C-alpha atoms as a PDB file:
ATOM      1  CA  MET A   1     -25.125   0.114  18.873  1.00  0.00           C
ATOM      2  CA  LEU A   2     -21.428  -1.122  17.373  1.00  0.00           C
ATOM      3  CA  GLN A   3     -18.324  -2.501  19.280  1.00  0.00           C
ATOM      4  CA  VAL A   4     -14.595  -0.612  17.898  1.00  0.00           C
ATOM      5  CA  ASN A   5     -11.500  -0.991  19.585  1.00  0.00           C
ATOM      6  CA  GLY A   6     -14.325  -2.864  22.731  1.00  0.00           C
ATOM      7  CA  THR A   7     -15.478   0.381  23.185  1.00  0.00           C
ATOM      8  CA  ASP A   8     -19.347   1.891  22.039  1.00  0.00           C
ATOM      9  CA  PHE A   9     -19.893   3.071  18.319  1.00  0.00           C
ATOM     10  CA  HIS A  10     -22.986   4.779  18.193  1.00  0.00           C
ATOM     11  CA  LEU A  11     -23.779   5.255  14.756  1.00  0.00           C
ATOM     12  CA  SER A  12     -26.378   2.734  12.950  1.00  0.00           C
ATOM     13  CA  GLU A  13     -25.022   0.137  10.073  1.00  0.00           C
ATOM     14  CA  TYR A  14     -26.429  -0.356   6.921  1.00  0.00           C
ATOM     15  CA  SER A  15     -27.260  -4.081   5.513  1.00  0.00           C
ATOM     16  CA  PHE A  16     -24.748  -3.295   2.720  1.00  0.00           C
ATOM     17  CA  GLU A  17     -21.875  -2.269   4.477  1.00  0.00           C
ATOM     18  CA  ARG A  18     -22.640  -5.158   7.304  1.00  0.00           C
ATOM     19  CA  HIS A  19     -22.317  -7.323   4.127  1.00  0.00           C
ATOM     20  CA  PHE A  20     -19.561  -6.052   2.620  1.00  0.00           C
ATOM     21  CA  ASP A  21     -16.399  -8.324   2.330  1.00  0.00           C
ATOM     22  CA  GLU A  22     -12.884  -6.290   3.048  1.00  0.00           C
ATOM     23  CA  ARG A  23     -11.301  -9.494   3.335  1.00  0.00           C
ATOM     24  CA  GLY A  24     -12.078 -10.221  -0.929  1.00  0.00           C
ATOM     25  CA  ALA A  25     -11.434  -6.316  -1.341  1.00  0.00           C
ATOM     26  CA  ILE A  26      -7.989  -6.682  -0.033  1.00  0.00           C
ATOM     27  CA  GLU A  27      -7.414  -9.574  -2.067  1.00  0.00           C
ATOM     28  CA  TRP A  28      -8.312  -7.890  -5.102  1.00  0.00           C
ATOM     29  CA  MET A  29      -6.425  -5.061  -4.933  1.00  0.00           C
ATOM     30  CA  GLN A  30      -3.595  -7.029  -4.162  1.00  0.00           C
ATOM     31  CA  ALA A  31      -3.631  -8.756  -6.702  1.00  0.00           C
ATOM     32  CA  ASN A  32      -4.733  -6.197  -9.438  1.00  0.00           C
ATOM     33  CA  TRP A  33      -3.552  -2.964  -7.604  1.00  0.00           C
ATOM     34  CA  LYS A  34      -0.857  -2.406 -10.886  1.00  0.00           C
ATOM     35  CA  SER A  35      -4.039  -1.932 -12.780  1.00  0.00           C
ATOM     36  CA  SER A  36      -3.665   1.518 -11.351  1.00  0.00           C
ATOM     37  CA  PHE A  37      -0.728   2.258 -13.342  1.00  0.00           C
ATOM     38  CA  VAL A  38      -2.215   0.597 -17.045  1.00  0.00           C
ATOM     39  CA  PHE A  39      -5.712   3.744 -16.332  1.00  0.00           C
ATOM     40  CA  SER A  40      -2.689   6.461 -15.682  1.00  0.00           C
ATOM     41  CA  ALA A  41      -1.366   5.318 -18.867  1.00  0.00           C
ATOM     42  CA  LEU A  42      -4.399   5.802 -20.976  1.00  0.00           C
ATOM     43  CA  TYR A  43      -5.482   8.492 -18.427  1.00  0.00           C
ATOM     44  CA  ALA A  44      -2.738  10.239 -20.377  1.00  0.00           C
ATOM     45  CA  ALA A  45      -2.668   9.155 -23.295  1.00  0.00           C
ATOM     46  CA  LEU A  46      -6.503  10.761 -23.520  1.00  0.00           C
ATOM     47  CA  VAL A  47      -5.480  13.986 -22.385  1.00  0.00           C
ATOM     48  CA  PHE A  48      -3.146  15.081 -23.867  1.00  0.00           C
ATOM     49  CA  GLY A  49      -3.906  13.328 -27.226  1.00  0.00           C
ATOM     50  CA  GLY A  50      -7.716  14.822 -26.913  1.00  0.00           C
ATOM     51  CA  GLN A  51      -6.358  18.532 -26.069  1.00  0.00           C
ATOM     52  CA  HIS A  52      -4.224  17.877 -29.528  1.00  0.00           C
ATOM     53  CA  TYR A  53      -7.629  16.636 -31.117  1.00  0.00           C
ATOM     54  CA  MET A  54      -9.682  19.674 -30.068  1.00  0.00           C
ATOM     55  CA  LYS A  55      -7.247  21.974 -31.035  1.00  0.00           C
ATOM     56  CA  PRO A  56      -8.885  22.994 -34.404  1.00  0.00           C
ATOM     57  CA  ARG A  57     -11.999  21.949 -32.887  1.00  0.00           C
ATOM     58  CA  PRO A  58     -15.030  24.092 -31.581  1.00  0.00           C
ATOM     59  CA  LYS A  59     -15.558  23.676 -27.848  1.00  0.00           C
ATOM     60  CA  LEU A  60     -18.017  21.862 -26.232  1.00  0.00           C
ATOM     61  CA  ASN A  61     -21.031  23.331 -23.731  1.00  0.00           C
ATOM     62  CA  LEU A  62     -21.072  20.147 -21.531  1.00  0.00           C
ATOM     63  CA  ARG A  63     -22.987  22.196 -19.324  1.00  0.00           C
ATOM     64  CA  TRP A  64     -25.612  19.734 -18.076  1.00  0.00           C
ATOM     65  CA  PRO A  65     -23.724  16.647 -17.694  1.00  0.00           C
ATOM     66  CA  LEU A  66     -21.074  18.838 -15.928  1.00  0.00           C
ATOM     67  CA  ILE A  67     -23.986  19.716 -13.475  1.00  0.00           C
ATOM     68  CA  LEU A  68     -25.041  15.804 -12.827  1.00  0.00           C
ATOM     69  CA  TRP A  69     -21.123  14.518 -12.914  1.00  0.00           C
ATOM     70  CA  SER A  70     -19.806  16.983 -10.309  1.00  0.00           C
ATOM     71  CA  LEU A  71     -23.202  16.123  -8.155  1.00  0.00           C
ATOM     72  CA  SER A  72     -22.987  12.978  -8.593  1.00  0.00           C
ATOM     73  CA  LEU A  73     -19.536  13.287  -7.182  1.00  0.00           C
ATOM     74  CA  ALA A  74     -20.526  15.294  -4.108  1.00  0.00           C
ATOM     75  CA  VAL A  75     -23.706  14.061  -3.101  1.00  0.00           C
ATOM     76  CA  PHE A  76     -21.158  10.431  -2.812  1.00  0.00           C
ATOM     77  CA  SER A  77     -18.216  12.563  -1.128  1.00  0.00           C
ATOM     78  CA  ILE A  78     -21.024  13.898   1.200  1.00  0.00           C
ATOM     79  CA  ILE A  79     -22.249  10.712   2.328  1.00  0.00           C
ATOM     80  CA  GLY A  80     -18.485   9.359   2.590  1.00  0.00           C
ATOM     81  CA  ALA A  81     -17.766  12.109   5.082  1.00  0.00           C
ATOM     82  CA  ILE A  82     -21.140  11.344   6.938  1.00  0.00           C
ATOM     83  CA  ARG A  83     -19.802   8.189   7.221  1.00  0.00           C
ATOM     84  CA  THR A  84     -16.501   7.647   7.955  1.00  0.00           C
ATOM     85  CA  ALA A  85     -15.476  11.120  10.631  1.00  0.00           C
ATOM     86  CA  PRO A  86     -18.201   9.752  12.791  1.00  0.00           C
ATOM     87  CA  TYR A  87     -15.763   6.800  12.575  1.00  0.00           C
ATOM     88  CA  MET A  88     -12.663   8.650  12.674  1.00  0.00           C
ATOM     89  CA  PHE A  89     -14.188  10.458  15.593  1.00  0.00           C
ATOM     90  CA  HIS A  90     -15.066   7.681  18.336  1.00  0.00           C
ATOM     91  CA  ILE A  91     -11.640   6.697  17.275  1.00  0.00           C
ATOM     92  CA  LEU A  92      -9.370   9.637  18.088  1.00  0.00           C
ATOM     93  CA  ILE A  93     -11.805  10.457  21.291  1.00  0.00           C
ATOM     94  CA  SER A  94     -11.945   6.790  22.872  1.00  0.00           C
ATOM     95  CA  SER A  95      -8.682   5.856  22.244  1.00  0.00           C
ATOM     96  CA  GLY A  96      -6.350   9.497  20.929  1.00  0.00           C
ATOM     97  CA  PHE A  97      -4.331  10.839  18.042  1.00  0.00           C
ATOM     98  CA  ARG A  98      -2.153   8.069  18.039  1.00  0.00           C
ATOM     99  CA  GLN A  99      -4.657   5.092  17.834  1.00  0.00           C
ATOM    100  CA  SER A 100      -6.466   7.096  15.577  1.00  0.00           C
ATOM    101  CA  ILE A 101      -3.373   7.241  13.391  1.00  0.00           C
ATOM    102  CA  CYS A 102      -1.718   3.727  13.655  1.00  0.00           C
ATOM    103  CA  ASP A 103      -4.732   1.674  14.180  1.00  0.00           C
ATOM    104  CA  GLN A 104      -6.122  -0.381  11.070  1.00  0.00           C
ATOM    105  CA  SER A 105      -9.199  -0.956  11.616  1.00  0.00           C
ATOM    106  CA  PHE A 106     -10.565   1.580   9.668  1.00  0.00           C
ATOM    107  CA  TYR A 107     -10.197  -0.841   7.191  1.00  0.00           C
ATOM    108  CA  SER A 108     -11.881  -3.433   8.195  1.00  0.00           C
ATOM    109  CA  GLY A 109     -13.983  -2.395  10.800  1.00  0.00           C
ATOM    110  CA  PRO A 110     -17.785  -1.274  10.469  1.00  0.00           C
ATOM    111  CA  VAL A 111     -19.463   0.953   8.367  1.00  0.00           C
ATOM    112  CA  SER A 112     -15.456   2.340   7.440  1.00  0.00           C
ATOM    113  CA  LYS A 113     -14.531  -0.720   5.512  1.00  0.00           C
ATOM    114  CA  PHE A 114     -16.979  -0.185   2.697  1.00  0.00           C
ATOM    115  CA  TRP A 115     -17.091   3.543   2.763  1.00  0.00           C
ATOM    116  CA  ALA A 116     -12.568   2.253   2.026  1.00  0.00           C
ATOM    117  CA  TYR A 117     -13.065   0.168  -0.579  1.00  0.00           C
ATOM    118  CA  ALA A 118     -15.509   2.909  -1.856  1.00  0.00           C
ATOM    119  CA  PHE A 119     -12.750   5.752  -2.347  1.00  0.00           C
ATOM    120  CA  VAL A 120      -9.958   3.623  -3.277  1.00  0.00           C
ATOM    121  CA  LEU A 121     -11.947   2.776  -6.310  1.00  0.00           C
ATOM    122  CA  SER A 122     -13.778   5.928  -6.869  1.00  0.00           C
ATOM    123  CA  LYS A 123     -10.216   7.607  -8.161  1.00  0.00           C
ATOM    124  CA  ALA A 124     -10.669   5.604 -10.956  1.00  0.00           C
ATOM    125  CA  PRO A 125     -13.411   6.821 -12.630  1.00  0.00           C
ATOM    126  CA  GLU A 126     -12.694  10.383 -10.996  1.00  0.00           C
ATOM    127  CA  LEU A 127     -10.586  10.799 -13.937  1.00  0.00           C
ATOM    128  CA  GLY A 128     -13.269  11.700 -15.835  1.00  0.00           C
ATOM    129  CA  ASP A 129     -13.367  15.492 -14.649  1.00  0.00           C
ATOM    130  CA  THR A 130     -11.012  15.882 -16.757  1.00  0.00           C
ATOM    131  CA  ALA A 131     -13.119  15.047 -19.646  1.00  0.00           C
ATOM    132  CA  PHE A 132     -14.832  18.615 -18.691  1.00  0.00           C
ATOM    133  CA  ILE A 133     -11.670  20.154 -19.066  1.00  0.00           C
ATOM    134  CA  VAL A 134     -10.216  19.208 -22.485  1.00  0.00           C
ATOM    135  CA  LEU A 135     -13.507  18.538 -23.981  1.00  0.00           C
ATOM    136  CA  ARG A 136     -14.651  22.569 -22.576  1.00  0.00           C
ATOM    137  CA  LYS A 137     -10.724  23.700 -23.674  1.00  0.00           C
ATOM    138  CA  GLN A 138     -10.299  25.072 -20.454  1.00  0.00           C
ATOM    139  CA  LYS A 139      -6.571  25.251 -18.757  1.00  0.00           C
ATOM    140  CA  LEU A 140      -5.436  22.258 -17.750  1.00  0.00           C
ATOM    141  CA  ILE A 141      -2.673  22.914 -15.325  1.00  0.00           C
ATOM    142  CA  PHE A 142       0.015  20.711 -13.747  1.00  0.00           C
ATOM    143  CA  LEU A 143      -1.667  20.256 -10.820  1.00  0.00           C
ATOM    144  CA  HIS A 144      -4.451  19.105 -11.749  1.00  0.00           C
ATOM    145  CA  TRP A 145      -3.582  16.224 -13.813  1.00  0.00           C
ATOM    146  CA  TYR A 146      -0.377  15.221 -11.690  1.00  0.00           C
ATOM    147  CA  HIS A 147      -3.072  14.883  -8.542  1.00  0.00           C
ATOM    148  CA  HIS A 148      -5.561  12.686 -10.374  1.00  0.00           C
ATOM    149  CA  ILE A 149      -2.440  10.139 -11.198  1.00  0.00           C
ATOM    150  CA  THR A 150      -0.250  10.342  -7.961  1.00  0.00           C
ATOM    151  CA  VAL A 151      -3.945   9.560  -6.009  1.00  0.00           C
ATOM    152  CA  LEU A 152      -5.029   7.094  -8.340  1.00  0.00           C
ATOM    153  CA  LEU A 153      -1.152   4.954  -7.668  1.00  0.00           C
ATOM    154  CA  TYR A 154      -0.568   5.674  -3.938  1.00  0.00           C
ATOM    155  CA  SER A 155      -4.401   4.672  -2.880  1.00  0.00           C
ATOM    156  CA  TRP A 156      -4.132   1.177  -4.693  1.00  0.00           C
ATOM    157  CA  TYR A 157      -1.199   0.644  -3.712  1.00  0.00           C
ATOM    158  CA  SER A 158      -2.172   1.452  -0.547  1.00  0.00           C
ATOM    159  CA  TYR A 159      -5.068  -0.146   0.710  1.00  0.00           C
ATOM    160  CA  LYS A 160      -3.903  -3.468  -0.630  1.00  0.00           C
ATOM    161  CA  ASP A 161      -1.589  -3.123   2.972  1.00  0.00           C
ATOM    162  CA  MET A 162      -4.213  -1.214   4.710  1.00  0.00           C
ATOM    163  CA  VAL A 163      -0.954   0.526   6.186  1.00  0.00           C
ATOM    164  CA  ALA A 164      -1.422   3.042   8.889  1.00  0.00           C
ATOM    165  CA  GLY A 165      -2.517   7.339   8.221  1.00  0.00           C
ATOM    166  CA  GLY A 166      -5.269   5.345   5.882  1.00  0.00           C
ATOM    167  CA  GLY A 167      -8.020   6.426   8.040  1.00  0.00           C
ATOM    168  CA  TRP A 168      -6.857  10.187   7.444  1.00  0.00           C
ATOM    169  CA  PHE A 169      -5.979  10.479   4.981  1.00  0.00           C
ATOM    170  CA  MET A 170      -9.158   9.045   3.605  1.00  0.00           C
ATOM    171  CA  THR A 171     -11.422  11.246   5.814  1.00  0.00           C
ATOM    172  CA  MET A 172      -9.692  14.008   4.765  1.00  0.00           C
ATOM    173  CA  ASN A 173     -10.412  13.964   0.928  1.00  0.00           C
ATOM    174  CA  TYR A 174     -14.231  12.582   1.377  1.00  0.00           C
ATOM    175  CA  ILE A 175     -14.586  15.891   3.213  1.00  0.00           C
ATOM    176  CA  VAL A 176     -12.759  18.053   1.178  1.00  0.00           C
ATOM    177  CA  HIS A 177     -14.187  16.664  -2.469  1.00  0.00           C
ATOM    178  CA  ALA A 178     -17.717  17.267  -0.287  1.00  0.00           C
ATOM    179  CA  LEU A 179     -16.749  20.579  -0.031  1.00  0.00           C
ATOM    180  CA  MET A 180     -14.929  20.819  -3.639  1.00  0.00           C
ATOM    181  CA  TYR A 181     -17.664  19.212  -5.621  1.00  0.00           C
ATOM    182  CA  SER A 182     -20.554  20.742  -4.788  1.00  0.00           C
ATOM    183  CA  TYR A 183     -18.564  23.850  -5.226  1.00  0.00           C
ATOM    184  CA  TYR A 184     -18.627  22.646  -8.861  1.00  0.00           C
ATOM    185  CA  ALA A 185     -21.629  21.845  -9.529  1.00  0.00           C
ATOM    186  CA  ALA A 186     -23.006  25.139  -7.924  1.00  0.00           C
ATOM    187  CA  ARG A 187     -20.779  27.113 -10.152  1.00  0.00           C
ATOM    188  CA  ALA A 188     -22.248  24.391 -13.449  1.00  0.00           C
ATOM    189  CA  ALA A 189     -25.357  24.511 -12.695  1.00  0.00           C
ATOM    190  CA  GLY A 190     -25.513  29.136 -12.915  1.00  0.00           C
ATOM    191  CA  LEU A 191     -25.585  30.215  -9.575  1.00  0.00           C
ATOM    192  CA  ARG A 192     -23.323  33.108  -8.104  1.00  0.00           C
ATOM    193  CA  VAL A 193     -20.516  31.403  -5.270  1.00  0.00           C
ATOM    194  CA  PRO A 194     -19.114  33.722  -2.930  1.00  0.00           C
ATOM    195  CA  ARG A 195     -15.237  34.150  -3.675  1.00  0.00           C
ATOM    196  CA  PRO A 196     -14.526  33.546   0.153  1.00  0.00           C
ATOM    197  CA  PHE A 197     -16.369  29.564  -0.504  1.00  0.00           C
ATOM    198  CA  ALA A 198     -13.387  28.753  -3.001  1.00  0.00           C
ATOM    199  CA  VAL A 199     -10.754  30.855  -1.087  1.00  0.00           C
ATOM    200  CA  LEU A 200     -11.991  28.309   1.806  1.00  0.00           C
ATOM    201  CA  ILE A 201     -11.945  25.424  -0.008  1.00  0.00           C
ATOM    202  CA  THR A 202      -8.218  26.090  -0.942  1.00  0.00           C
ATOM    203  CA  SER A 203      -7.596  26.492   2.485  1.00  0.00           C
ATOM    204  CA  ALA A 204      -9.028  23.118   3.429  1.00  0.00           C
ATOM    205  CA  GLN A 205      -7.217  21.254   0.297  1.00  0.00           C
ATOM    206  CA  ILE A 206      -3.950  23.312   1.684  1.00  0.00           C
ATOM    207  CA  ALA A 207      -4.571  21.969   5.464  1.00  0.00           C
ATOM    208  CA  GLN A 208      -5.318  18.059   3.734  1.00  0.00           C
ATOM    209  CA  MET A 209      -1.753  18.373   2.128  1.00  0.00           C
ATOM    210  CA  ALA A 210       0.172  19.621   5.476  1.00  0.00           C
ATOM    211  CA  MET A 211      -1.676  17.277   7.810  1.00  0.00           C
ATOM    212  CA  GLY A 212      -1.348  14.303   4.906  1.00  0.00           C
ATOM    213  CA  VAL A 213       3.069  15.518   5.594  1.00  0.00           C
ATOM    214  CA  THR A 214       1.831  15.067   9.006  1.00  0.00           C
ATOM    215  CA  VAL A 215       0.065  12.198   9.494  1.00  0.00           C
ATOM    216  CA  SER A 216       3.558  10.518   6.930  1.00  0.00           C
ATOM    217  CA  VAL A 217       5.891  11.314   9.649  1.00  0.00           C
ATOM    218  CA  LEU A 218       4.206  10.475  12.617  1.00  0.00           C
ATOM    219  CA  VAL A 219       3.833   7.227  11.165  1.00  0.00           C
ATOM    220  CA  TYR A 220       7.658   7.033  10.576  1.00  0.00           C
ATOM    221  CA  GLY A 221       8.348   7.920  13.958  1.00  0.00           C
ATOM    222  CA  TRP A 222       6.090   5.197  15.657  1.00  0.00           C
ATOM    223  CA  MET A 223       6.492   2.352  12.888  1.00  0.00           C
ATOM    224  CA  GLN A 224      10.061   2.389  14.639  1.00  0.00           C
ATOM    225  CA  GLN A 225       8.032   1.214  17.160  1.00  0.00           C
ATOM    226  CA  GLY A 226       6.570  -1.353  16.000  1.00  0.00           C
ATOM    227  CA  ASP A 227       2.652  -0.226  16.455  1.00  0.00           C
ATOM    228  CA  CYS A 228       2.501   1.852  13.365  1.00  0.00           C
ATOM    229  CA  PRO A 229       2.105  -1.084  10.209  1.00  0.00           C
ATOM    230  CA  SER A 230       3.523   0.922   7.172  1.00  0.00           C
ATOM    231  CA  SER A 231       6.425   0.209   5.335  1.00  0.00           C
ATOM    232  CA  LEU A 232       9.399   2.459   4.963  1.00  0.00           C
ATOM    233  CA  ASP A 233       8.804   2.941   0.645  1.00  0.00           C
ATOM    234  CA  ASN A 234       4.662   3.443   1.722  1.00  0.00           C
ATOM    235  CA  ILE A 235       5.670   6.250   3.712  1.00  0.00           C
ATOM    236  CA  THR A 236       8.413   7.661   1.323  1.00  0.00           C
ATOM    237  CA  TRP A 237       5.920   7.802  -1.739  1.00  0.00           C
ATOM    238  CA  ALA A 238       3.284   9.096   0.815  1.00  0.00           C
ATOM    239  CA  SER A 239       5.807  12.202   1.983  1.00  0.00           C
ATOM    240  CA  LEU A 240       7.172  13.296  -0.502  1.00  0.00           C
ATOM    241  CA  MET A 241       3.418  12.890  -2.650  1.00  0.00           C
ATOM    242  CA  TYR A 242       2.104  15.033   0.299  1.00  0.00           C
ATOM    243  CA  PHE A 243       5.294  17.345   0.054  1.00  0.00           C
ATOM    244  CA  SER A 244       4.967  18.211  -3.437  1.00  0.00           C
ATOM    245  CA  TYR A 245       0.868  18.521  -2.986  1.00  0.00           C
ATOM    246  CA  LEU A 246       1.670  21.233  -0.537  1.00  0.00           C
ATOM    247  CA  LEU A 247       3.502  22.838  -2.008  1.00  0.00           C
ATOM    248  CA  LEU A 248       1.993  23.426  -5.450  1.00  0.00           C
ATOM    249  CA  PHE A 249      -1.662  23.824  -3.281  1.00  0.00           C
ATOM    250  CA  SER A 250       0.257  27.307  -1.860  1.00  0.00           C
ATOM    251  CA  ASN A 251       1.084  27.565  -4.776  1.00  0.00           C
ATOM    252  CA  PHE A 252      -1.783  28.197  -6.256  1.00  0.00           C
ATOM    253  CA  PHE A 253      -3.653  29.817  -3.796  1.00  0.00           C
ATOM    254  CA  TYR A 254      -1.090  32.668  -3.864  1.00  0.00           C
ATOM    255  CA  GLN A 255      -1.478  32.446  -7.509  1.00  0.00           C
ATOM    256  CA  THR A 256      -4.892  32.490  -7.344  1.00  0.00           C
ATOM    257  CA  TYR A 257      -6.235  34.787  -4.578  1.00  0.00           C
ATOM    258  CA  LEU A 258      -2.896  36.360  -3.247  1.00  0.00           C
ATOM    259  CA  ARG A 259      -1.255  37.370  -6.994  1.00  0.00           C
ATOM    260  CA  ARG A 260      -4.831  38.523  -8.769  1.00  0.00           C
ATOM    261  CA  LYS A 261      -6.691  39.423  -5.479  1.00  0.00           C
ATOM    262  CA  SER A 262      -7.787  42.177  -7.550  1.00  0.00           C
ATOM    263  CA  ASP A 263      -8.852  40.704 -10.768  1.00  0.00           C
ATOM    264  CA  PRO A 264     -12.650  38.510  -9.853  1.00  0.00           C
ATOM    265  CA  LYS A 265     -12.587  36.600 -13.000  1.00  0.00           C
ATOM    266  CA  THR A 266      -9.516  34.134 -11.000  1.00  0.00           C
ATOM    267  CA  THR A 267     -11.384  33.314  -8.983  1.00  0.00           C
ATOM    268  CA  LYS A 268     -11.523  29.352  -9.091  1.00  0.00           C
ATOM    269  CA  THR A 269     -10.748  26.305  -7.132  1.00  0.00           C
ATOM    270  CA  THR A 270      -9.102  22.645  -8.016  1.00  0.00           C
ATOM    271  CA  LYS A 271      -9.606  19.485  -7.833  1.00  0.00           C
ATOM    272  CA  THR A 272      -7.901  17.162  -4.538  1.00  0.00           C
ATOM    273  CA  GLN A 273      -7.387  13.654  -3.755  1.00  0.00           C
END
């Protein structure tokens, strides 16, 4: 039994979680977070350069690499959701909604501290999703690459300051990605996934973005009262990012499931934070 904010937390802590040095991780991120700009620049160059390279060449199949890639991210996200959701639920029940947003313990608490760091680091290798789109010569939409770049930049920028709202942002992402990458793994394996499941995933993505905007607004209001640690710059970027996602994912939902709902070939989903 663990203690979180002075209350009992009934979740076993594994050795690697207990011994994880969150202070060292935060110090490393404070010193190296700007590397995310380098990763983003290389990503953009490889993506658009790769499209140019593949234009006169036949598309690659890559079925098994795609299955393994999607499955590995699905497993990672499922475990992350299983480890972080109970932690956030405990804070929500024991300390209330406001504390669940403003509390910084997600970055340093038992269990969650490892998964917070794993989350922000995972945004770099997740850029590899786009390689499959480029090499298989599929349509690359603006939402996909814009989302990957901005999530990486914001995640690294925010983790170093342990800003309020991070627990909500990361836990929601783990849950949505658990669904999304499971869907992609099943589709890559050739399994027939019911259309409502794709609709559910995109709906969950929209709900995530709406909650992201809400949390950002609440952090701004409560920051003025001194108990919600963040900065005006961070809140501004978070609000713009989540609001743009909300618009883009809502448009994606409309174009995919409403406007074209009569065409079964258009069933698809897209990647999120």
